[in-house]
Amino acid sequence: MGDVYLLNKIDTFLKEICTDRNIKKINQMSIVVSKQSHIHEANLHEHLKKHNVSVIGDWTSIDVKKDEIPPETAIVTNIEVDYE
């Protein structure tokens, strides 16, 4: 349950930032999640690509690191984008 909730929180965050900043494409993103999380590059990329079709694609590189942070928390440490 926690990972699905976190995937949806990341998805919502990206939608908001892309709308607010007129981002048309996310090229690279680095994110930190809890060591207890089962989120990894492949399942995060698949989830985001499915829900953010226009900004996330095969061109998007995602790096997931695990650290001692609270569960159901994600920290975006880097994001490289193309603007409209």
PDB file of N, CA and C in Angstrom:
ATOM      1  N   MET A   1       0.818  -1.196   0.000  1.00  0.00           N
ATOM      2  CA  MET A   1       0.000   0.000   0.000  1.00  0.00           C
ATOM      3  C   MET A   1       0.860   1.257   0.000  1.00  0.00           C
ATOM      4  N   GLY A   2       1.926   1.282   0.803  1.00  0.00           N
ATOM      5  CA  GLY A   2       2.754   2.463   0.924  1.00  0.00           C
ATOM      6  C   GLY A   2       3.426   2.867  -0.373  1.00  0.00           C
ATOM      7  N   ASP A   3       3.893   1.879  -1.143  1.00  0.00           N
ATOM      8  CA  ASP A   3       4.568   2.204  -2.398  1.00  0.00           C
ATOM      9  C   ASP A   3       3.600   2.752  -3.435  1.00  0.00           C
ATOM     10  N   VAL A   4       2.386   2.239  -3.481  1.00  0.00           N
ATOM     11  CA  VAL A   4       1.383   2.766  -4.415  1.00  0.00           C
ATOM     12  C   VAL A   4       1.058   4.211  -4.054  1.00  0.00           C
ATOM     13  N   TYR A   5       0.892   4.472  -2.770  1.00  0.00           N
ATOM     14  CA  TYR A   5       0.633   5.830  -2.293  1.00  0.00           C
ATOM     15  C   TYR A   5       1.783   6.760  -2.684  1.00  0.00           C
ATOM     16  N   LEU A   6       3.008   6.308  -2.483  1.00  0.00           N
ATOM     17  CA  LEU A   6       4.172   7.125  -2.806  1.00  0.00           C
ATOM     18  C   LEU A   6       4.302   7.349  -4.310  1.00  0.00           C
ATOM     19  N   LEU A   7       4.063   6.322  -5.107  1.00  0.00           N
ATOM     20  CA  LEU A   7       4.084   6.491  -6.567  1.00  0.00           C
ATOM     21  C   LEU A   7       3.077   7.557  -6.992  1.00  0.00           C
ATOM     22  N   ASN A   8       1.898   7.533  -6.399  1.00  0.00           N
ATOM     23  CA  ASN A   8       0.879   8.530  -6.734  1.00  0.00           C
ATOM     24  C   ASN A   8       1.266   9.929  -6.264  1.00  0.00           C
ATOM     25  N   LYS A   9       1.929  10.029  -5.109  1.00  0.00           N
ATOM     26  CA  LYS A   9       2.400  11.337  -4.635  1.00  0.00           C
ATOM     27  C   LYS A   9       3.456  11.913  -5.583  1.00  0.00           C
ATOM     28  N   ILE A  10       4.376  11.079  -6.041  1.00  0.00           N
ATOM     29  CA  ILE A  10       5.406  11.524  -6.985  1.00  0.00           C
ATOM     30  C   ILE A  10       4.750  11.967  -8.282  1.00  0.00           C
ATOM     31  N   ASP A  11       3.794  11.194  -8.761  1.00  0.00           N
ATOM     32  CA  ASP A  11       3.056  11.518  -9.980  1.00  0.00           C
ATOM     33  C   ASP A  11       2.355  12.872  -9.851  1.00  0.00           C
ATOM     34  N   THR A  12       1.666  13.090  -8.740  1.00  0.00           N
ATOM     35  CA  THR A  12       0.962  14.356  -8.509  1.00  0.00           C
ATOM     36  C   THR A  12       1.945  15.522  -8.465  1.00  0.00           C
ATOM     37  N   PHE A  13       3.066  15.345  -7.772  1.00  0.00           N
ATOM     38  CA  PHE A  13       4.088  16.391  -7.701  1.00  0.00           C
ATOM     39  C   PHE A  13       4.583  16.765  -9.093  1.00  0.00           C
ATOM     40  N   LEU A  14       4.893  15.767  -9.907  1.00  0.00           N
ATOM     41  CA  LEU A  14       5.407  16.048 -11.252  1.00  0.00           C
ATOM     42  C   LEU A  14       4.368  16.753 -12.115  1.00  0.00           C
ATOM     43  N   LYS A  15       3.115  16.343 -12.020  1.00  0.00           N
ATOM     44  CA  LYS A  15       2.058  17.014 -12.781  1.00  0.00           C
ATOM     45  C   LYS A  15       1.957  18.481 -12.386  1.00  0.00           C
ATOM     46  N   GLU A  16       2.004  18.754 -11.083  1.00  0.00           N
ATOM     47  CA  GLU A  16       1.904  20.134 -10.599  1.00  0.00           C
ATOM     48  C   GLU A  16       3.085  20.979 -11.060  1.00  0.00           C
ATOM     49  N   ILE A  17       4.288  20.471 -10.910  1.00  0.00           N
ATOM     50  CA  ILE A  17       5.463  21.256 -11.283  1.00  0.00           C
ATOM     51  C   ILE A  17       5.524  21.475 -12.794  1.00  0.00           C
ATOM     52  N   CYS A  18       5.124  20.476 -13.564  1.00  0.00           N
ATOM     53  CA  CYS A  18       5.139  20.625 -15.026  1.00  0.00           C
ATOM     54  C   CYS A  18       4.121  21.666 -15.480  1.00  0.00           C
ATOM     55  N   THR A  19       2.956  21.680 -14.863  1.00  0.00           N
ATOM     56  CA  THR A  19       1.936  22.672 -15.197  1.00  0.00           C
ATOM     57  C   THR A  19       2.380  24.068 -14.771  1.00  0.00           C
ATOM     58  N   ASP A  20       2.859  24.187 -13.536  1.00  0.00           N
ATOM     59  CA  ASP A  20       3.260  25.490 -12.996  1.00  0.00           C
ATOM     60  C   ASP A  20       4.421  26.117 -13.756  1.00  0.00           C
ATOM     61  N   ARG A  21       5.326  25.289 -14.256  1.00  0.00           N
ATOM     62  CA  ARG A  21       6.551  25.811 -14.881  1.00  0.00           C
ATOM     63  C   ARG A  21       6.611  25.604 -16.386  1.00  0.00           C
ATOM     64  N   ASN A  22       5.500  25.208 -16.988  1.00  0.00           N
ATOM     65  CA  ASN A  22       5.423  24.999 -18.443  1.00  0.00           C
ATOM     66  C   ASN A  22       6.498  24.036 -18.951  1.00  0.00           C
ATOM     67  N   ILE A  23       6.659  22.933 -18.251  1.00  0.00           N
ATOM     68  CA  ILE A  23       7.627  21.906 -18.647  1.00  0.00           C
ATOM     69  C   ILE A  23       6.967  20.988 -19.662  1.00  0.00           C
ATOM     70  N   LYS A  24       7.651  20.772 -20.785  1.00  0.00           N
ATOM     71  CA  LYS A  24       7.070  19.900 -21.811  1.00  0.00           C
ATOM     72  C   LYS A  24       7.674  18.502 -21.812  1.00  0.00           C
ATOM     73  N   LYS A  25       8.877  18.349 -21.223  1.00  0.00           N
ATOM     74  CA  LYS A  25       9.527  17.039 -21.251  1.00  0.00           C
ATOM     75  C   LYS A  25      10.501  16.925 -20.083  1.00  0.00           C
ATOM     76  N   ILE A  26      10.452  15.806 -19.375  1.00  0.00           N
ATOM     77  CA  ILE A  26      11.423  15.510 -18.323  1.00  0.00           C
ATOM     78  C   ILE A  26      12.451  14.558 -18.915  1.00  0.00           C
ATOM     79  N   ASN A  27      13.700  15.019 -18.959  1.00  0.00           N
ATOM     80  CA  ASN A  27      14.778  14.220 -19.543  1.00  0.00           C
ATOM     81  C   ASN A  27      15.461  13.313 -18.524  1.00  0.00           C
ATOM     82  N   GLN A  28      15.639  13.836 -17.306  1.00  0.00           N
ATOM     83  CA  GLN A  28      16.334  13.073 -16.274  1.00  0.00           C
ATOM     84  C   GLN A  28      15.786  13.484 -14.921  1.00  0.00           C
ATOM     85  N   MET A  29      15.674  12.495 -14.021  1.00  0.00           N
ATOM     86  CA  MET A  29      15.217  12.769 -12.672  1.00  0.00           C
ATOM     87  C   MET A  29      15.933  11.842 -11.705  1.00  0.00           C
ATOM     88  N   SER A  30      16.402  12.420 -10.598  1.00  0.00           N
ATOM     89  CA  SER A  30      17.001  11.633  -9.518  1.00  0.00           C
ATOM     90  C   SER A  30      16.126  11.798  -8.286  1.00  0.00           C
ATOM     91  N   ILE A  31      15.891  10.704  -7.604  1.00  0.00           N
ATOM     92  CA  ILE A  31      14.978  10.718  -6.463  1.00  0.00           C
ATOM     93  C   ILE A  31      15.510   9.802  -5.371  1.00  0.00           C
ATOM     94  N   VAL A  32      15.243  10.160  -4.120  1.00  0.00           N
ATOM     95  CA  VAL A  32      15.628   9.344  -2.969  1.00  0.00           C
ATOM     96  C   VAL A  32      14.348   8.851  -2.301  1.00  0.00           C
ATOM     97  N   VAL A  33      14.310   7.553  -1.990  1.00  0.00           N
ATOM     98  CA  VAL A  33      13.188   6.956  -1.272  1.00  0.00           C
ATOM     99  C   VAL A  33      13.729   6.193  -0.066  1.00  0.00           C
ATOM    100  N   SER A  34      12.827   5.771   0.799  1.00  0.00           N
ATOM    101  CA  SER A  34      13.190   5.019   1.993  1.00  0.00           C
ATOM    102  C   SER A  34      13.821   3.675   1.627  1.00  0.00           C
ATOM    103  N   LYS A  35      14.715   3.215   2.474  1.00  0.00           N
ATOM    104  CA  LYS A  35      15.324   1.896   2.267  1.00  0.00           C
ATOM    105  C   LYS A  35      14.285   0.779   2.324  1.00  0.00           C
ATOM    106  N   GLN A  36      13.156   1.021   2.976  1.00  0.00           N
ATOM    107  CA  GLN A  36      12.098   0.018   3.061  1.00  0.00           C
ATOM    108  C   GLN A  36      11.211  -0.008   1.814  1.00  0.00           C
ATOM    109  N   SER A  37      11.339   0.982   0.959  1.00  0.00           N
ATOM    110  CA  SER A  37      10.498   1.083  -0.231  1.00  0.00           C
ATOM    111  C   SER A  37      10.900   0.042  -1.274  1.00  0.00           C
ATOM    112  N   HIS A  38       9.912  -0.420  -2.024  1.00  0.00           N
ATOM    113  CA  HIS A  38      10.166  -1.336  -3.134  1.00  0.00           C
ATOM    114  C   HIS A  38      10.198  -0.598  -4.469  1.00  0.00           C
ATOM    115  N   ILE A  39      10.190   0.727  -4.418  1.00  0.00           N
ATOM    116  CA  ILE A  39      10.258   1.525  -5.642  1.00  0.00           C
ATOM    117  C   ILE A  39      11.679   1.458  -6.191  1.00  0.00           C
ATOM    118  N   HIS A  40      11.777   1.227  -7.499  1.00  0.00           N
ATOM    119  CA  HIS A  40      13.068   1.220  -8.182  1.00  0.00           C
ATOM    120  C   HIS A  40      12.881   1.889  -9.538  1.00  0.00           C
ATOM    121  N   GLU A  41      13.969   2.039 -10.281  1.00  0.00           N
ATOM    122  CA  GLU A  41      13.925   2.778 -11.545  1.00  0.00           C
ATOM    123  C   GLU A  41      12.836   2.268 -12.486  1.00  0.00           C
ATOM    124  N   ALA A  42      12.763   0.956 -12.665  1.00  0.00           N
ATOM    125  CA  ALA A  42      11.842   0.392 -13.658  1.00  0.00           C
ATOM    126  C   ALA A  42      10.379   0.623 -13.299  1.00  0.00           C
ATOM    127  N   ASN A  43       9.991   0.335 -12.043  1.00  0.00           N
ATOM    128  CA  ASN A  43       8.571   0.496 -11.725  1.00  0.00           C
ATOM    129  C   ASN A  43       8.168   1.963 -11.595  1.00  0.00           C
ATOM    130  N   LEU A  44       9.087   2.829 -11.176  1.00  0.00           N
ATOM    131  CA  LEU A  44       8.782   4.262 -11.137  1.00  0.00           C
ATOM    132  C   LEU A  44       8.632   4.799 -12.554  1.00  0.00           C
ATOM    133  N   HIS A  45       9.543   4.419 -13.436  1.00  0.00           N
ATOM    134  CA  HIS A  45       9.473   4.875 -14.829  1.00  0.00           C
ATOM    135  C   HIS A  45       8.172   4.402 -15.472  1.00  0.00           C
ATOM    136  N   GLU A  46       7.816   3.144 -15.261  1.00  0.00           N
ATOM    137  CA  GLU A  46       6.585   2.596 -15.843  1.00  0.00           C
ATOM    138  C   GLU A  46       5.350   3.346 -15.333  1.00  0.00           C
ATOM    139  N   HIS A  47       5.299   3.580 -14.028  1.00  0.00           N
ATOM    140  CA  HIS A  47       4.151   4.286 -13.443  1.00  0.00           C
ATOM    141  C   HIS A  47       4.048   5.710 -13.980  1.00  0.00           C
ATOM    142  N   LEU A  48       5.161   6.426 -13.998  1.00  0.00           N
ATOM    143  CA  LEU A  48       5.140   7.822 -14.450  1.00  0.00           C
ATOM    144  C   LEU A  48       4.843   7.921 -15.937  1.00  0.00           C
ATOM    145  N   LYS A  49       5.386   7.016 -16.716  1.00  0.00           N
ATOM    146  CA  LYS A  49       5.131   7.024 -18.160  1.00  0.00           C
ATOM    147  C   LYS A  49       3.650   6.779 -18.441  1.00  0.00           C
ATOM    148  N   LYS A  50       3.062   5.904 -17.671  1.00  0.00           N
ATOM    149  CA  LYS A  50       1.643   5.583 -17.842  1.00  0.00           C
ATOM    150  C   LYS A  50       0.745   6.770 -17.472  1.00  0.00           C
ATOM    151  N   HIS A  51       1.130   7.534 -16.454  1.00  0.00           N
ATOM    152  CA  HIS A  51       0.274   8.610 -15.947  1.00  0.00           C
ATOM    153  C   HIS A  51       0.679  10.009 -16.415  1.00  0.00           C
ATOM    154  N   ASN A  52       1.855  10.179 -16.954  1.00  0.00           N
ATOM    155  CA  ASN A  52       2.344  11.480 -17.435  1.00  0.00           C
ATOM    156  C   ASN A  52       2.838  11.327 -18.865  1.00  0.00           C
ATOM    157  N   VAL A  53       1.974  10.837 -19.723  1.00  0.00           N
ATOM    158  CA  VAL A  53       2.346  10.449 -21.079  1.00  0.00           C
ATOM    159  C   VAL A  53       3.110  11.539 -21.819  1.00  0.00           C
ATOM    160  N   SER A  54       2.715  12.776 -21.666  1.00  0.00           N
ATOM    161  CA  SER A  54       3.324  13.832 -22.476  1.00  0.00           C
ATOM    162  C   SER A  54       4.709  14.262 -21.992  1.00  0.00           C
ATOM    163  N   VAL A  55       5.023  14.104 -20.709  1.00  0.00           N
ATOM    164  CA  VAL A  55       6.305  14.608 -20.202  1.00  0.00           C
ATOM    165  C   VAL A  55       7.319  13.518 -19.875  1.00  0.00           C
ATOM    166  N   ILE A  56       6.862  12.296 -19.677  1.00  0.00           N
ATOM    167  CA  ILE A  56       7.738  11.164 -19.356  1.00  0.00           C
ATOM    168  C   ILE A  56       7.665  10.174 -20.510  1.00  0.00           C
ATOM    169  N   GLY A  57       8.812   9.691 -20.959  1.00  0.00           N
ATOM    170  CA  GLY A  57       8.812   8.720 -22.049  1.00  0.00           C
ATOM    171  C   GLY A  57      10.070   7.885 -22.035  1.00  0.00           C
ATOM    172  N   ASP A  58      10.310   7.199 -23.148  1.00  0.00           N
ATOM    173  CA  ASP A  58      11.510   6.369 -23.264  1.00  0.00           C
ATOM    174  C   ASP A  58      12.776   7.207 -23.144  1.00  0.00           C
ATOM    175  N   TRP A  59      12.693   8.493 -23.453  1.00  0.00           N
ATOM    176  CA  TRP A  59      13.838   9.404 -23.373  1.00  0.00           C
ATOM    177  C   TRP A  59      14.189   9.768 -21.927  1.00  0.00           C
ATOM    178  N   THR A  60      13.294   9.486 -20.973  1.00  0.00           N
ATOM    179  CA  THR A  60      13.488   9.904 -19.584  1.00  0.00           C
ATOM    180  C   THR A  60      14.364   8.909 -18.834  1.00  0.00           C
ATOM    181  N   SER A  61      15.419   9.427 -18.211  1.00  0.00           N
ATOM    182  CA  SER A  61      16.299   8.625 -17.367  1.00  0.00           C
ATOM    183  C   SER A  61      15.932   8.895 -15.904  1.00  0.00           C
ATOM    184  N   ILE A  62      15.704   7.824 -15.151  1.00  0.00           N
ATOM    185  CA  ILE A  62      15.331   7.963 -13.741  1.00  0.00           C
ATOM    186  C   ILE A  62      16.331   7.200 -12.891  1.00  0.00           C
ATOM    187  N   ASP A  63      16.841   7.881 -11.862  1.00  0.00           N
ATOM    188  CA  ASP A  63      17.781   7.280 -10.920  1.00  0.00           C
ATOM    189  C   ASP A  63      17.123   7.277  -9.542  1.00  0.00           C
ATOM    190  N   VAL A  64      17.018   6.110  -8.928  1.00  0.00           N
ATOM    191  CA  VAL A  64      16.421   5.984  -7.598  1.00  0.00           C
ATOM    192  C   VAL A  64      17.500   5.540  -6.623  1.00  0.00           C
ATOM    193  N   LYS A  65      17.665   6.307  -5.565  1.00  0.00           N
ATOM    194  CA  LYS A  65      18.594   5.950  -4.495  1.00  0.00           C
ATOM    195  C   LYS A  65      17.771   5.688  -3.238  1.00  0.00           C
ATOM    196  N   LYS A  66      18.277   4.824  -2.377  1.00  0.00           N
ATOM    197  CA  LYS A  66      17.597   4.511  -1.119  1.00  0.00           C
ATOM    198  C   LYS A  66      18.430   5.056   0.031  1.00  0.00           C
ATOM    199  N   ASP A  67      17.725   5.614   1.029  1.00  0.00           N
ATOM    200  CA  ASP A  67      18.409   6.212   2.169  1.00  0.00           C
ATOM    201  C   ASP A  67      17.519   6.083   3.403  1.00  0.00           C
ATOM    202  N   GLU A  68      18.062   6.468   4.525  1.00  0.00           N
ATOM    203  CA  GLU A  68      17.319   6.441   5.788  1.00  0.00           C
ATOM    204  C   GLU A  68      16.419   7.674   5.871  1.00  0.00           C
ATOM    205  N   ILE A  69      15.275   7.607   5.207  1.00  0.00           N
ATOM    206  CA  ILE A  69      14.276   8.667   5.294  1.00  0.00           C
ATOM    207  C   ILE A  69      12.949   8.005   5.658  1.00  0.00           C
ATOM    208  N   PRO A  70      11.978   8.786   6.131  1.00  0.00           N
ATOM    209  CA  PRO A  70      10.701   8.186   6.535  1.00  0.00           C
ATOM    210  C   PRO A  70      10.014   7.457   5.381  1.00  0.00           C
ATOM    211  N   PRO A  71       9.294   6.387   5.701  1.00  0.00           N
ATOM    212  CA  PRO A  71       8.507   5.697   4.669  1.00  0.00           C
ATOM    213  C   PRO A  71       7.502   6.661   4.053  1.00  0.00           C
ATOM    214  N   GLU A  72       7.085   6.354   2.854  1.00  0.00           N
ATOM    215  CA  GLU A  72       6.119   7.172   2.116  1.00  0.00           C
ATOM    216  C   GLU A  72       6.624   8.595   1.900  1.00  0.00           C
ATOM    217  N   THR A  73       7.957   8.732   1.823  1.00  0.00           N
ATOM    218  CA  THR A  73       8.599  10.012   1.543  1.00  0.00           C
ATOM    219  C   THR A  73       9.508   9.842   0.341  1.00  0.00           C
ATOM    220  N   ALA A  74       9.524  10.856  -0.511  1.00  0.00           N
ATOM    221  CA  ALA A  74      10.444  10.877  -1.646  1.00  0.00           C
ATOM    222  C   ALA A  74      11.040  12.270  -1.740  1.00  0.00           C
ATOM    223  N   ILE A  75      12.304  12.332  -2.095  1.00  0.00           N
ATOM    224  CA  ILE A  75      12.994  13.608  -2.272  1.00  0.00           C
ATOM    225  C   ILE A  75      13.548  13.640  -3.690  1.00  0.00           C
ATOM    226  N   VAL A  76      13.068  14.587  -4.476  1.00  0.00           N
ATOM    227  CA  VAL A  76      13.607  14.774  -5.824  1.00  0.00           C
ATOM    228  C   VAL A  76      14.874  15.598  -5.667  1.00  0.00           C
ATOM    229  N   THR A  77      16.018  15.005  -6.003  1.00  0.00           N
ATOM    230  CA  THR A  77      17.297  15.687  -5.821  1.00  0.00           C
ATOM    231  C   THR A  77      17.786  16.370  -7.086  1.00  0.00           C
ATOM    232  N   ASN A  78      17.273  15.937  -8.237  1.00  0.00           N
ATOM    233  CA  ASN A  78      17.678  16.552  -9.499  1.00  0.00           C
ATOM    234  C   ASN A  78      16.597  16.291 -10.534  1.00  0.00           C
ATOM    235  N   ILE A  79      16.368  17.302 -11.376  1.00  0.00           N
ATOM    236  CA  ILE A  79      15.423  17.132 -12.472  1.00  0.00           C
ATOM    237  C   ILE A  79      15.900  17.993 -13.634  1.00  0.00           C
ATOM    238  N   GLU A  80      16.025  17.376 -14.807  1.00  0.00           N
ATOM    239  CA  GLU A  80      16.437  18.087 -16.016  1.00  0.00           C
ATOM    240  C   GLU A  80      15.281  18.033 -16.997  1.00  0.00           C
ATOM    241  N   VAL A  81      14.904  19.214 -17.519  1.00  0.00           N
ATOM    242  CA  VAL A  81      13.674  19.315 -18.314  1.00  0.00           C
ATOM    243  C   VAL A  81      13.877  20.149 -19.569  1.00  0.00           C
ATOM    244  N   ASP A  82      12.896  20.053 -20.471  1.00  0.00           N
ATOM    245  CA  ASP A  82      12.756  20.966 -21.603  1.00  0.00           C
ATOM    246  C   ASP A  82      11.483  21.761 -21.361  1.00  0.00           C
ATOM    247  N   TYR A  83      11.557  23.069 -21.608  1.00  0.00           N
ATOM    248  CA  TYR A  83      10.396  23.936 -21.417  1.00  0.00           C
ATOM    249  C   TYR A  83       9.666  24.143 -22.729  1.00  0.00           C
ATOM    250  N   GLU A  84       8.394  24.535 -22.619  1.00  0.00           N
ATOM    251  CA  GLU A  84       7.594  24.837 -23.809  1.00  0.00           C
ATOM    252  C   GLU A  84       8.101  26.095 -24.470  1.00  0.00           C
TER     253      GLU A  84
END
